[in-house]
Amino acid sequence: MYKESRKMPKSAEDSKKRMSGEQRKAQIVTVAMQLFAEEGFKGTTTREIARRAGISEAVIFKHFSKKEDLYNAIIDQCCNDGGGESRLLKLLKQKQGREVFSEVAMFLITEHQNDSTFLKLLTYSALEKHTLSDIFIKTKAMELIEFLVSHIKSLMDEGVFRKADHELAARAFLGMVLHFNIAQELYGLKKTFKRQNSDVVDTFVDIFFDGMKRR
């Protein structure tokens, strides 16, 4: 029989009992993200995730029977609302013209500025040839690119933009924004380069529109 001193504190036991299945699942996702961002995917095990979460590995496998399930849950938590819809695409539904590009740039810049964890995860995943970045590219990244491609094509058809490769144009705009995020948040350029987000967004959109507008 265990001695009283070796038992789990009552408050910890109560906390464990109070956590619902969805709460536990969200906790595992959050802890996994933190560890992946710190150690990379190759350097992180389910044992470490379980230890930091204060649970057994069996609990992780109960919620995520396959590793892909955990990666999908990470992407869902970072990119979607409670109903599984992309938070960014939801914001773009009522936007037109320049507003679309401004919304995309502002959303991506502020998201990674407020928490660069997901940006680090995608970088680690790409460098380590890991599954998470593949899943993200095939789902959320392509979803956004396809939206921008369609919007750019519409602006070309309306005569606002000159005729060009609309798929390449969409990637060019995203390239400006994503390179800025990576340079600021991962390379550390924000220590020496500071601008208001609104000024950054306006400048990027101006550059893109000036280059694309019909002469």
N, C-alpha and C. Protein backbone atom coordinates (compact mmCIF):
# COMPACT_ATOMS: atom_id res chain seq x y z
N MET A 1 0.85 -1.19 0.00
CA MET A 1 0.00 0.00 0.00
C MET A 1 0.88 1.25 0.00
N TYR A 2 0.55 2.24 -0.87
CA TYR A 2 1.34 3.46 -0.96
C TYR A 2 1.17 4.29 0.29
N LYS A 3 2.25 4.95 0.66
CA LYS A 3 2.17 5.90 1.77
C LYS A 3 1.43 7.15 1.30
N GLU A 4 0.86 7.86 2.24
CA GLU A 4 0.08 9.05 1.92
C GLU A 4 0.91 10.09 1.18
N SER A 5 2.20 10.22 1.54
CA SER A 5 3.07 11.24 0.93
C SER A 5 3.33 10.98 -0.53
N ARG A 6 3.16 9.74 -1.00
CA ARG A 6 3.44 9.42 -2.39
C ARG A 6 2.21 9.55 -3.27
N LYS A 7 1.08 9.82 -2.69
CA LYS A 7 -0.14 9.98 -3.48
C LYS A 7 -0.11 11.31 -4.22
N MET A 8 -0.84 11.33 -5.33
CA MET A 8 -0.98 12.58 -6.08
C MET A 8 -1.76 13.57 -5.23
N PRO A 9 -1.34 14.84 -5.20
CA PRO A 9 -2.09 15.83 -4.43
C PRO A 9 -3.55 15.88 -4.87
N LYS A 10 -4.42 16.10 -3.89
CA LYS A 10 -5.86 16.07 -4.18
C LYS A 10 -6.26 17.07 -5.28
N SER A 11 -5.63 18.26 -5.27
CA SER A 11 -5.98 19.26 -6.27
C SER A 11 -5.63 18.79 -7.67
N ALA A 12 -4.48 18.08 -7.81
CA ALA A 12 -4.07 17.55 -9.11
C ALA A 12 -5.03 16.47 -9.57
N GLU A 13 -5.45 15.61 -8.60
CA GLU A 13 -6.40 14.55 -8.94
C GLU A 13 -7.72 15.16 -9.41
N ASP A 14 -8.19 16.17 -8.68
CA ASP A 14 -9.45 16.82 -9.03
C ASP A 14 -9.36 17.46 -10.40
N SER A 15 -8.20 18.10 -10.67
CA SER A 15 -8.01 18.77 -11.96
C SER A 15 -8.05 17.76 -13.08
N LYS A 16 -7.42 16.60 -12.82
CA LYS A 16 -7.39 15.55 -13.85
C LYS A 16 -8.80 15.04 -14.14
N LYS A 17 -9.60 14.88 -13.07
CA LYS A 17 -10.95 14.37 -13.24
C LYS A 17 -11.83 15.39 -13.96
N ARG A 18 -11.60 16.68 -13.67
CA ARG A 18 -12.45 17.71 -14.24
C ARG A 18 -12.20 17.91 -15.73
N MET A 19 -11.02 17.54 -16.24
CA MET A 19 -10.70 17.79 -17.65
C MET A 19 -11.50 16.85 -18.55
N SER A 20 -12.27 17.43 -19.45
CA SER A 20 -13.07 16.62 -20.38
C SER A 20 -12.18 16.03 -21.46
N GLY A 21 -12.77 15.15 -22.27
CA GLY A 21 -12.01 14.55 -23.37
C GLY A 21 -11.50 15.59 -24.35
N GLU A 22 -12.34 16.56 -24.68
CA GLU A 22 -11.93 17.61 -25.62
C GLU A 22 -10.85 18.51 -25.02
N GLN A 23 -10.97 18.78 -23.73
CA GLN A 23 -9.94 19.59 -23.07
C GLN A 23 -8.61 18.86 -23.03
N ARG A 24 -8.67 17.55 -22.74
CA ARG A 24 -7.45 16.76 -22.71
C ARG A 24 -6.81 16.71 -24.09
N LYS A 25 -7.63 16.54 -25.10
CA LYS A 25 -7.13 16.51 -26.47
C LYS A 25 -6.45 17.82 -26.84
N ALA A 26 -7.09 18.93 -26.47
CA ALA A 26 -6.51 20.25 -26.76
C ALA A 26 -5.21 20.44 -26.00
N GLN A 27 -5.15 19.93 -24.77
CA GLN A 27 -3.92 20.04 -23.98
C GLN A 27 -2.78 19.28 -24.64
N ILE A 28 -3.06 18.08 -25.12
CA ILE A 28 -2.02 17.28 -25.79
C ILE A 28 -1.51 18.01 -27.03
N VAL A 29 -2.42 18.59 -27.79
CA VAL A 29 -2.03 19.32 -29.00
C VAL A 29 -1.14 20.50 -28.64
N THR A 30 -1.52 21.26 -27.62
CA THR A 30 -0.73 22.42 -27.21
C THR A 30 0.66 22.02 -26.74
N VAL A 31 0.74 20.99 -25.93
CA VAL A 31 2.03 20.51 -25.42
C VAL A 31 2.89 19.98 -26.56
N ALA A 32 2.28 19.23 -27.47
CA ALA A 32 3.02 18.68 -28.62
C ALA A 32 3.59 19.81 -29.48
N MET A 33 2.79 20.84 -29.71
CA MET A 33 3.25 21.99 -30.49
C MET A 33 4.46 22.65 -29.84
N GLN A 34 4.38 22.84 -28.54
CA GLN A 34 5.49 23.49 -27.81
C GLN A 34 6.77 22.68 -27.93
N LEU A 35 6.66 21.37 -27.77
CA LEU A 35 7.84 20.51 -27.84
C LEU A 35 8.39 20.43 -29.26
N PHE A 36 7.52 20.31 -30.24
CA PHE A 36 7.97 20.27 -31.64
C PHE A 36 8.70 21.56 -32.00
N ALA A 37 8.16 22.69 -31.50
CA ALA A 37 8.77 23.99 -31.81
C ALA A 37 10.12 24.15 -31.12
N GLU A 38 10.29 23.51 -29.96
CA GLU A 38 11.55 23.60 -29.22
C GLU A 38 12.60 22.60 -29.70
N GLU A 39 12.15 21.37 -29.96
CA GLU A 39 13.09 20.28 -30.23
C GLU A 39 13.05 19.76 -31.67
N GLY A 40 12.08 20.21 -32.45
CA GLY A 40 11.91 19.63 -33.78
C GLY A 40 11.12 18.34 -33.68
N PHE A 41 10.80 17.75 -34.80
CA PHE A 41 9.99 16.53 -34.81
C PHE A 41 10.83 15.30 -34.51
N LYS A 42 12.04 15.29 -35.04
CA LYS A 42 12.91 14.13 -34.81
C LYS A 42 13.36 14.05 -33.36
N GLY A 43 13.40 15.19 -32.69
CA GLY A 43 13.89 15.21 -31.32
C GLY A 43 12.81 15.09 -30.27
N THR A 44 11.55 14.86 -30.70
CA THR A 44 10.43 14.79 -29.75
C THR A 44 9.76 13.42 -29.81
N THR A 45 9.53 12.83 -28.65
CA THR A 45 8.87 11.52 -28.57
C THR A 45 7.52 11.67 -27.87
N THR A 46 6.66 10.67 -28.06
CA THR A 46 5.37 10.68 -27.36
C THR A 46 5.58 10.58 -25.85
N ARG A 47 6.67 9.94 -25.44
CA ARG A 47 6.97 9.85 -24.01
C ARG A 47 7.20 11.24 -23.42
N GLU A 48 7.93 12.09 -24.17
CA GLU A 48 8.19 13.45 -23.70
C GLU A 48 6.91 14.27 -23.66
N ILE A 49 6.08 14.09 -24.70
CA ILE A 49 4.80 14.81 -24.73
C ILE A 49 3.96 14.41 -23.52
N ALA A 50 3.89 13.12 -23.25
CA ALA A 50 3.11 12.61 -22.12
C ALA A 50 3.65 13.13 -20.79
N ARG A 51 4.97 13.13 -20.65
CA ARG A 51 5.58 13.59 -19.40
C ARG A 51 5.25 15.05 -19.14
N ARG A 52 5.39 15.90 -20.18
CA ARG A 52 5.13 17.32 -19.98
C ARG A 52 3.64 17.58 -19.73
N ALA A 53 2.79 16.77 -20.33
CA ALA A 53 1.35 16.94 -20.14
C ALA A 53 0.87 16.33 -18.83
N GLY A 54 1.73 15.54 -18.18
CA GLY A 54 1.35 14.90 -16.93
C GLY A 54 0.39 13.75 -17.11
N ILE A 55 0.53 13.03 -18.23
CA ILE A 55 -0.34 11.90 -18.53
C ILE A 55 0.51 10.72 -18.99
N SER A 56 -0.14 9.60 -19.28
CA SER A 56 0.58 8.44 -19.81
C SER A 56 0.53 8.46 -21.34
N GLU A 57 1.44 7.73 -21.97
CA GLU A 57 1.42 7.64 -23.43
C GLU A 57 0.11 7.03 -23.92
N ALA A 58 -0.47 6.15 -23.10
CA ALA A 58 -1.72 5.50 -23.48
C ALA A 58 -2.83 6.52 -23.71
N VAL A 59 -2.82 7.60 -22.93
CA VAL A 59 -3.84 8.65 -23.07
C VAL A 59 -3.67 9.35 -24.42
N ILE A 60 -2.42 9.56 -24.83
CA ILE A 60 -2.17 10.18 -26.13
C ILE A 60 -2.72 9.30 -27.24
N PHE A 61 -2.41 7.99 -27.17
CA PHE A 61 -2.86 7.06 -28.22
C PHE A 61 -4.37 6.88 -28.21
N LYS A 62 -4.98 7.12 -27.06
CA LYS A 62 -6.45 7.04 -26.97
C LYS A 62 -7.09 8.15 -27.82
N HIS A 63 -6.48 9.34 -27.80
CA HIS A 63 -7.03 10.48 -28.54
C HIS A 63 -6.48 10.55 -29.97
N PHE A 64 -5.28 10.05 -30.17
CA PHE A 64 -4.64 10.12 -31.50
C PHE A 64 -4.02 8.76 -31.82
N SER A 65 -4.82 7.91 -32.46
CA SER A 65 -4.36 6.55 -32.76
C SER A 65 -3.24 6.53 -33.79
N LYS A 66 -3.19 7.55 -34.67
CA LYS A 66 -2.13 7.66 -35.67
C LYS A 66 -1.46 9.02 -35.52
N LYS A 67 -0.18 9.09 -35.87
CA LYS A 67 0.54 10.36 -35.76
C LYS A 67 -0.09 11.44 -36.65
N GLU A 68 -0.64 11.01 -37.80
CA GLU A 68 -1.27 11.97 -38.70
C GLU A 68 -2.48 12.64 -38.04
N ASP A 69 -3.15 11.91 -37.13
CA ASP A 69 -4.30 12.49 -36.42
C ASP A 69 -3.85 13.66 -35.55
N LEU A 70 -2.69 13.51 -34.92
CA LEU A 70 -2.15 14.58 -34.09
C LEU A 70 -1.75 15.78 -34.95
N TYR A 71 -1.12 15.53 -36.09
CA TYR A 71 -0.70 16.62 -36.97
C TYR A 71 -1.91 17.37 -37.53
N ASN A 72 -2.95 16.63 -37.90
CA ASN A 72 -4.18 17.27 -38.38
C ASN A 72 -4.82 18.12 -37.29
N ALA A 73 -4.75 17.64 -36.04
CA ALA A 73 -5.32 18.38 -34.92
C ALA A 73 -4.54 19.66 -34.66
N ILE A 74 -3.22 19.62 -34.84
CA ILE A 74 -2.39 20.81 -34.69
C ILE A 74 -2.78 21.86 -35.73
N ILE A 75 -2.90 21.43 -36.97
CA ILE A 75 -3.27 22.34 -38.06
C ILE A 75 -4.67 22.91 -37.81
N ASP A 76 -5.58 22.06 -37.36
CA ASP A 76 -6.95 22.50 -37.08
C ASP A 76 -6.96 23.55 -35.98
N GLN A 77 -6.21 23.31 -34.91
CA GLN A 77 -6.19 24.24 -33.79
C GLN A 77 -5.58 25.58 -34.18
N CYS A 78 -4.59 25.56 -35.06
CA CYS A 78 -3.90 26.79 -35.46
C CYS A 78 -4.64 27.57 -36.54
N CYS A 79 -5.35 26.87 -37.41
CA CYS A 79 -5.91 27.52 -38.60
C CYS A 79 -7.42 27.65 -38.63
N ASN A 80 -8.12 26.83 -37.89
CA ASN A 80 -9.58 26.79 -38.01
C ASN A 80 -10.30 27.37 -36.81
N ASP A 81 -11.59 27.68 -37.01
CA ASP A 81 -12.42 28.08 -35.89
C ASP A 81 -13.02 26.83 -35.25
N GLY A 82 -13.90 27.03 -34.30
CA GLY A 82 -14.49 25.89 -33.59
C GLY A 82 -15.30 24.96 -34.46
N GLY A 83 -15.75 25.46 -35.61
CA GLY A 83 -16.54 24.64 -36.51
C GLY A 83 -15.74 23.98 -37.60
N GLY A 84 -14.42 24.12 -37.55
CA GLY A 84 -13.56 23.49 -38.55
C GLY A 84 -13.37 24.29 -39.82
N GLU A 85 -13.84 25.56 -39.82
CA GLU A 85 -13.68 26.41 -41.00
C GLU A 85 -12.44 27.29 -40.85
N SER A 86 -11.73 27.51 -41.94
CA SER A 86 -10.55 28.36 -41.93
C SER A 86 -10.90 29.76 -41.41
N ARG A 87 -10.20 30.21 -40.38
CA ARG A 87 -10.47 31.53 -39.84
C ARG A 87 -10.15 32.63 -40.85
N LEU A 88 -9.09 32.44 -41.61
CA LEU A 88 -8.71 33.45 -42.60
C LEU A 88 -9.72 33.52 -43.74
N LEU A 89 -10.07 32.37 -44.30
CA LEU A 89 -11.04 32.38 -45.42
C LEU A 89 -12.40 32.92 -44.98
N LYS A 90 -12.72 32.70 -43.72
CA LYS A 90 -13.98 33.23 -43.19
C LYS A 90 -13.96 34.76 -43.20
N LEU A 91 -12.80 35.34 -42.89
CA LEU A 91 -12.66 36.80 -42.90
C LEU A 91 -12.71 37.37 -44.31
N LEU A 92 -12.33 36.56 -45.29
CA LEU A 92 -12.25 37.04 -46.67
C LEU A 92 -13.58 37.01 -47.42
N LYS A 93 -14.58 36.38 -46.86
CA LYS A 93 -15.84 36.17 -47.58
C LYS A 93 -16.49 37.46 -48.06
N GLN A 94 -16.45 38.48 -47.26
CA GLN A 94 -17.13 39.74 -47.62
C GLN A 94 -16.16 40.79 -48.17
N LYS A 95 -14.93 40.41 -48.45
CA LYS A 95 -13.93 41.37 -48.91
C LYS A 95 -13.86 41.42 -50.43
N GLN A 96 -13.47 42.60 -50.93
CA GLN A 96 -13.35 42.79 -52.38
C GLN A 96 -12.04 43.52 -52.70
N GLY A 97 -11.55 43.35 -53.92
CA GLY A 97 -10.39 44.11 -54.40
C GLY A 97 -9.20 44.10 -53.47
N ARG A 98 -8.69 45.30 -53.16
CA ARG A 98 -7.51 45.44 -52.30
C ARG A 98 -7.74 44.88 -50.90
N GLU A 99 -9.00 44.93 -50.45
CA GLU A 99 -9.30 44.48 -49.09
C GLU A 99 -8.88 43.02 -48.87
N VAL A 100 -9.01 42.21 -49.91
CA VAL A 100 -8.63 40.80 -49.79
C VAL A 100 -7.16 40.67 -49.45
N PHE A 101 -6.31 41.39 -50.18
CA PHE A 101 -4.88 41.29 -49.98
C PHE A 101 -4.45 41.90 -48.64
N SER A 102 -5.10 43.00 -48.27
CA SER A 102 -4.81 43.62 -46.99
C SER A 102 -5.16 42.69 -45.83
N GLU A 103 -6.31 42.02 -45.96
CA GLU A 103 -6.76 41.10 -44.90
C GLU A 103 -5.82 39.91 -44.77
N VAL A 104 -5.40 39.36 -45.90
CA VAL A 104 -4.48 38.22 -45.89
C VAL A 104 -3.17 38.60 -45.22
N ALA A 105 -2.60 39.72 -45.65
CA ALA A 105 -1.31 40.16 -45.11
C ALA A 105 -1.41 40.46 -43.62
N MET A 106 -2.44 41.19 -43.21
CA MET A 106 -2.58 41.54 -41.79
C MET A 106 -2.79 40.31 -40.93
N PHE A 107 -3.60 39.39 -41.41
CA PHE A 107 -3.87 38.17 -40.64
C PHE A 107 -2.59 37.37 -40.44
N LEU A 108 -1.85 37.12 -41.50
CA LEU A 108 -0.64 36.30 -41.41
C LEU A 108 0.44 36.97 -40.56
N ILE A 109 0.60 38.28 -40.72
CA ILE A 109 1.63 38.99 -39.96
C ILE A 109 1.29 39.00 -38.46
N THR A 110 0.06 39.33 -38.12
CA THR A 110 -0.30 39.41 -36.70
C THR A 110 -0.35 38.03 -36.05
N GLU A 111 -0.79 37.01 -36.78
CA GLU A 111 -0.84 35.66 -36.23
C GLU A 111 0.56 35.20 -35.81
N HIS A 112 1.53 35.33 -36.71
CA HIS A 112 2.88 34.86 -36.42
C HIS A 112 3.60 35.79 -35.45
N GLN A 113 3.21 37.05 -35.44
CA GLN A 113 3.80 38.00 -34.50
C GLN A 113 3.34 37.69 -33.07
N ASN A 114 2.09 37.36 -32.92
CA ASN A 114 1.54 37.05 -31.60
C ASN A 114 2.04 35.72 -31.07
N ASP A 115 2.26 34.76 -31.96
CA ASP A 115 2.75 33.44 -31.56
C ASP A 115 3.41 32.78 -32.76
N SER A 116 4.73 32.66 -32.70
CA SER A 116 5.48 32.12 -33.84
C SER A 116 5.62 30.60 -33.79
N THR A 117 4.93 29.94 -32.85
CA THR A 117 5.06 28.50 -32.69
C THR A 117 4.75 27.74 -33.97
N PHE A 118 3.64 28.07 -34.61
CA PHE A 118 3.23 27.33 -35.80
C PHE A 118 4.21 27.57 -36.95
N LEU A 119 4.72 28.78 -37.05
CA LEU A 119 5.72 29.10 -38.07
C LEU A 119 6.97 28.25 -37.87
N LYS A 120 7.37 28.08 -36.62
CA LYS A 120 8.53 27.24 -36.30
C LYS A 120 8.24 25.78 -36.65
N LEU A 121 7.03 25.33 -36.34
CA LEU A 121 6.65 23.94 -36.65
C LEU A 121 6.75 23.66 -38.14
N LEU A 122 6.21 24.56 -38.95
CA LEU A 122 6.24 24.36 -40.39
C LEU A 122 7.68 24.37 -40.92
N THR A 123 8.52 25.21 -40.33
CA THR A 123 9.92 25.29 -40.76
C THR A 123 10.66 24.02 -40.40
N TYR A 124 10.52 23.57 -39.15
CA TYR A 124 11.14 22.31 -38.74
C TYR A 124 10.65 21.17 -39.63
N SER A 125 9.35 21.14 -39.85
CA SER A 125 8.76 20.05 -40.62
C SER A 125 9.29 20.01 -42.05
N ALA A 126 9.41 21.17 -42.68
CA ALA A 126 9.92 21.23 -44.05
C ALA A 126 11.38 20.80 -44.10
N LEU A 127 12.19 21.27 -43.17
CA LEU A 127 13.62 20.95 -43.16
C LEU A 127 13.86 19.47 -42.85
N GLU A 128 13.02 18.90 -42.00
CA GLU A 128 13.18 17.50 -41.61
C GLU A 128 12.39 16.55 -42.51
N LYS A 129 11.79 17.13 -43.57
CA LYS A 129 10.96 16.35 -44.49
C LYS A 129 9.89 15.57 -43.72
N HIS A 130 9.19 16.30 -42.89
CA HIS A 130 8.20 15.69 -42.01
C HIS A 130 6.80 15.81 -42.58
N THR A 131 5.91 14.98 -42.07
CA THR A 131 4.55 14.88 -42.61
C THR A 131 3.72 16.14 -42.41
N LEU A 132 3.92 16.86 -41.31
CA LEU A 132 3.03 17.97 -40.99
C LEU A 132 3.01 19.03 -42.08
N SER A 133 4.18 19.40 -42.60
CA SER A 133 4.20 20.44 -43.64
C SER A 133 3.52 19.96 -44.91
N ASP A 134 3.64 18.67 -45.23
CA ASP A 134 2.96 18.12 -46.40
C ASP A 134 1.44 18.24 -46.25
N ILE A 135 0.96 17.88 -45.06
CA ILE A 135 -0.48 17.96 -44.80
C ILE A 135 -0.95 19.41 -44.90
N PHE A 136 -0.17 20.33 -44.31
CA PHE A 136 -0.54 21.74 -44.32
C PHE A 136 -0.58 22.29 -45.75
N ILE A 137 0.43 21.98 -46.54
CA ILE A 137 0.49 22.48 -47.91
C ILE A 137 -0.70 21.97 -48.74
N LYS A 138 -1.01 20.68 -48.59
CA LYS A 138 -2.08 20.08 -49.38
C LYS A 138 -3.47 20.55 -48.96
N THR A 139 -3.58 21.07 -47.74
CA THR A 139 -4.90 21.49 -47.25
C THR A 139 -4.99 23.02 -47.15
N LYS A 140 -4.51 23.58 -46.05
CA LYS A 140 -4.70 25.01 -45.78
C LYS A 140 -3.96 25.92 -46.74
N ALA A 141 -2.71 25.60 -47.06
CA ALA A 141 -1.93 26.47 -47.96
C ALA A 141 -2.57 26.52 -49.34
N MET A 142 -2.91 25.36 -49.88
CA MET A 142 -3.52 25.32 -51.21
C MET A 142 -4.91 25.95 -51.21
N GLU A 143 -5.62 25.82 -50.11
CA GLU A 143 -6.94 26.43 -49.98
C GLU A 143 -6.83 27.95 -50.13
N LEU A 144 -5.84 28.54 -49.47
CA LEU A 144 -5.64 29.98 -49.56
C LEU A 144 -5.13 30.39 -50.93
N ILE A 145 -4.18 29.63 -51.48
CA ILE A 145 -3.63 29.96 -52.80
C ILE A 145 -4.72 29.91 -53.85
N GLU A 146 -5.56 28.90 -53.81
CA GLU A 146 -6.64 28.77 -54.78
C GLU A 146 -7.63 29.92 -54.67
N PHE A 147 -7.87 30.38 -53.45
CA PHE A 147 -8.76 31.53 -53.26
C PHE A 147 -8.14 32.77 -53.90
N LEU A 148 -6.86 33.00 -53.65
CA LEU A 148 -6.19 34.18 -54.22
C LEU A 148 -6.09 34.09 -55.74
N VAL A 149 -5.82 32.90 -56.26
CA VAL A 149 -5.75 32.72 -57.71
C VAL A 149 -7.08 33.11 -58.35
N SER A 150 -8.17 32.65 -57.75
CA SER A 150 -9.50 32.97 -58.28
C SER A 150 -9.78 34.46 -58.21
N HIS A 151 -9.39 35.09 -57.12
CA HIS A 151 -9.63 36.53 -56.95
C HIS A 151 -8.79 37.34 -57.94
N ILE A 152 -7.54 36.96 -58.12
CA ILE A 152 -6.66 37.66 -59.06
C ILE A 152 -7.17 37.51 -60.48
N LYS A 153 -7.63 36.32 -60.82
CA LYS A 153 -8.18 36.08 -62.16
C LYS A 153 -9.41 36.97 -62.40
N SER A 154 -10.24 37.13 -61.36
CA SER A 154 -11.42 37.98 -61.49
C SER A 154 -11.01 39.44 -61.74
N LEU A 155 -9.97 39.90 -61.04
CA LEU A 155 -9.48 41.27 -61.23
C LEU A 155 -8.89 41.45 -62.62
N MET A 156 -8.30 40.41 -63.17
CA MET A 156 -7.80 40.46 -64.54
C MET A 156 -8.96 40.54 -65.53
N ASP A 157 -9.97 39.73 -65.29
CA ASP A 157 -11.14 39.73 -66.18
C ASP A 157 -11.87 41.08 -66.15
N GLU A 158 -11.83 41.74 -65.00
CA GLU A 158 -12.49 43.05 -64.86
C GLU A 158 -11.64 44.19 -65.41
N GLY A 159 -10.40 43.89 -65.78
CA GLY A 159 -9.52 44.91 -66.32
C GLY A 159 -8.76 45.71 -65.28
N VAL A 160 -8.88 45.32 -64.02
CA VAL A 160 -8.14 46.00 -62.95
C VAL A 160 -6.66 45.61 -63.01
N PHE A 161 -6.42 44.32 -63.21
CA PHE A 161 -5.05 43.81 -63.33
C PHE A 161 -4.74 43.51 -64.80
N ARG A 162 -3.48 43.66 -65.15
CA ARG A 162 -3.04 43.26 -66.48
C ARG A 162 -3.01 41.74 -66.57
N LYS A 163 -3.02 41.21 -67.77
CA LYS A 163 -2.97 39.77 -67.96
C LYS A 163 -1.60 39.24 -67.55
N ALA A 164 -1.62 38.21 -66.75
CA ALA A 164 -0.38 37.59 -66.27
C ALA A 164 -0.71 36.20 -65.77
N ASP A 165 0.31 35.47 -65.36
CA ASP A 165 0.12 34.14 -64.78
C ASP A 165 -0.48 34.34 -63.38
N HIS A 166 -1.80 34.10 -63.26
CA HIS A 166 -2.47 34.40 -62.00
C HIS A 166 -2.03 33.50 -60.85
N GLU A 167 -1.61 32.27 -61.17
CA GLU A 167 -1.12 31.38 -60.12
C GLU A 167 0.23 31.87 -59.59
N LEU A 168 1.09 32.32 -60.50
CA LEU A 168 2.38 32.86 -60.09
C LEU A 168 2.19 34.17 -59.32
N ALA A 169 1.23 34.97 -59.74
CA ALA A 169 0.96 36.24 -59.06
C ALA A 169 0.52 36.00 -57.61
N ALA A 170 -0.32 35.00 -57.40
CA ALA A 170 -0.78 34.68 -56.04
C ALA A 170 0.39 34.28 -55.16
N ARG A 171 1.29 33.47 -55.71
CA ARG A 171 2.46 33.04 -54.94
C ARG A 171 3.43 34.20 -54.70
N ALA A 172 3.49 35.13 -55.64
CA ALA A 172 4.37 36.29 -55.46
C ALA A 172 3.90 37.15 -54.29
N PHE A 173 2.59 37.36 -54.19
CA PHE A 173 2.08 38.17 -53.07
C PHE A 173 2.32 37.46 -51.74
N LEU A 174 1.98 36.18 -51.68
CA LEU A 174 2.19 35.44 -50.44
C LEU A 174 3.68 35.37 -50.09
N GLY A 175 4.52 35.31 -51.13
CA GLY A 175 5.96 35.24 -50.90
C GLY A 175 6.47 36.47 -50.16
N MET A 176 5.98 37.65 -50.50
CA MET A 176 6.38 38.87 -49.80
C MET A 176 6.03 38.79 -48.32
N VAL A 177 4.80 38.39 -48.06
CA VAL A 177 4.31 38.37 -46.68
C VAL A 177 5.03 37.29 -45.87
N LEU A 178 5.15 36.10 -46.43
CA LEU A 178 5.76 35.00 -45.69
C LEU A 178 7.24 35.22 -45.44
N HIS A 179 7.94 35.78 -46.43
CA HIS A 179 9.36 36.07 -46.22
C HIS A 179 9.53 37.09 -45.10
N PHE A 180 8.66 38.09 -45.06
CA PHE A 180 8.70 39.08 -43.99
C PHE A 180 8.51 38.40 -42.64
N ASN A 181 7.53 37.51 -42.54
CA ASN A 181 7.27 36.81 -41.28
C ASN A 181 8.46 35.98 -40.84
N ILE A 182 9.02 35.23 -41.77
CA ILE A 182 10.16 34.36 -41.44
C ILE A 182 11.37 35.20 -41.01
N ALA A 183 11.63 36.27 -41.75
CA ALA A 183 12.78 37.12 -41.43
C ALA A 183 12.60 37.79 -40.06
N GLN A 184 11.39 38.27 -39.80
CA GLN A 184 11.13 38.96 -38.53
C GLN A 184 11.12 38.01 -37.34
N GLU A 185 10.35 36.92 -37.46
CA GLU A 185 10.09 36.06 -36.30
C GLU A 185 11.12 34.95 -36.11
N LEU A 186 11.69 34.43 -37.18
CA LEU A 186 12.65 33.32 -37.04
C LEU A 186 14.10 33.78 -37.15
N TYR A 187 14.36 34.68 -38.08
CA TYR A 187 15.74 35.16 -38.24
C TYR A 187 16.10 36.26 -37.25
N GLY A 188 15.10 36.84 -36.61
CA GLY A 188 15.35 37.85 -35.59
C GLY A 188 15.48 39.27 -36.09
N LEU A 189 15.05 39.54 -37.33
CA LEU A 189 15.18 40.90 -37.86
C LEU A 189 14.31 41.92 -37.13
N LYS A 190 13.31 41.44 -36.39
CA LYS A 190 12.45 42.38 -35.69
C LYS A 190 13.20 43.14 -34.59
N LYS A 191 14.38 42.65 -34.23
CA LYS A 191 15.18 43.35 -33.23
C LYS A 191 15.73 44.67 -33.79
N THR A 192 15.94 44.70 -35.09
CA THR A 192 16.53 45.90 -35.71
C THR A 192 15.60 46.61 -36.69
N PHE A 193 14.48 45.95 -37.03
CA PHE A 193 13.54 46.54 -38.00
C PHE A 193 12.15 46.54 -37.41
N LYS A 194 11.63 47.70 -37.11
CA LYS A 194 10.31 47.81 -36.50
C LYS A 194 9.43 48.76 -37.32
N ARG A 195 8.26 48.29 -37.68
CA ARG A 195 7.28 49.09 -38.39
C ARG A 195 5.88 48.75 -37.87
N GLN A 196 4.98 49.68 -38.01
CA GLN A 196 3.58 49.38 -37.69
C GLN A 196 3.07 48.35 -38.69
N ASN A 197 2.30 47.38 -38.21
CA ASN A 197 1.77 46.36 -39.10
C ASN A 197 0.95 46.97 -40.24
N SER A 198 0.21 48.01 -39.94
CA SER A 198 -0.61 48.65 -40.97
C SER A 198 0.27 49.23 -42.08
N ASP A 199 1.43 49.78 -41.71
CA ASP A 199 2.34 50.34 -42.72
C ASP A 199 2.95 49.23 -43.58
N VAL A 200 3.28 48.12 -42.94
CA VAL A 200 3.84 46.98 -43.68
C VAL A 200 2.81 46.45 -44.68
N VAL A 201 1.60 46.27 -44.21
CA VAL A 201 0.53 45.74 -45.06
C VAL A 201 0.26 46.69 -46.22
N ASP A 202 0.10 47.97 -45.95
CA ASP A 202 -0.18 48.94 -47.01
C ASP A 202 0.93 48.96 -48.06
N THR A 203 2.17 48.88 -47.61
CA THR A 203 3.30 48.89 -48.53
C THR A 203 3.31 47.65 -49.42
N PHE A 204 3.11 46.49 -48.84
CA PHE A 204 3.09 45.25 -49.62
C PHE A 204 1.96 45.26 -50.65
N VAL A 205 0.78 45.70 -50.22
CA VAL A 205 -0.37 45.73 -51.14
C VAL A 205 -0.13 46.76 -52.24
N ASP A 206 0.45 47.91 -51.91
CA ASP A 206 0.77 48.92 -52.93
C ASP A 206 1.76 48.37 -53.96
N ILE A 207 2.80 47.72 -53.48
CA ILE A 207 3.80 47.13 -54.38
C ILE A 207 3.15 46.13 -55.32
N PHE A 208 2.30 45.27 -54.78
CA PHE A 208 1.65 44.25 -55.58
C PHE A 208 0.70 44.87 -56.61
N PHE A 209 -0.12 45.82 -56.16
CA PHE A 209 -1.10 46.43 -57.06
C PHE A 209 -0.41 47.27 -58.13
N ASP A 210 0.65 47.99 -57.76
CA ASP A 210 1.38 48.79 -58.76
C ASP A 210 2.00 47.90 -59.84
N GLY A 211 2.45 46.73 -59.42
CA GLY A 211 3.05 45.81 -60.38
C GLY A 211 2.02 45.09 -61.26
N MET A 212 0.80 44.93 -60.74
CA MET A 212 -0.20 44.14 -61.44
C MET A 212 -1.23 44.98 -62.20
N LYS A 213 -1.32 46.27 -61.88
CA LYS A 213 -2.41 47.06 -62.47
C LYS A 213 -2.25 47.19 -64.01
N ARG A 214 -3.37 47.30 -64.63
CA ARG A 214 -3.39 47.42 -66.10
C ARG A 214 -2.92 48.80 -66.52
N ARG A 215 -1.98 48.86 -67.43
CA ARG A 215 -1.44 50.16 -67.88
C ARG A 215 -2.37 50.79 -68.91
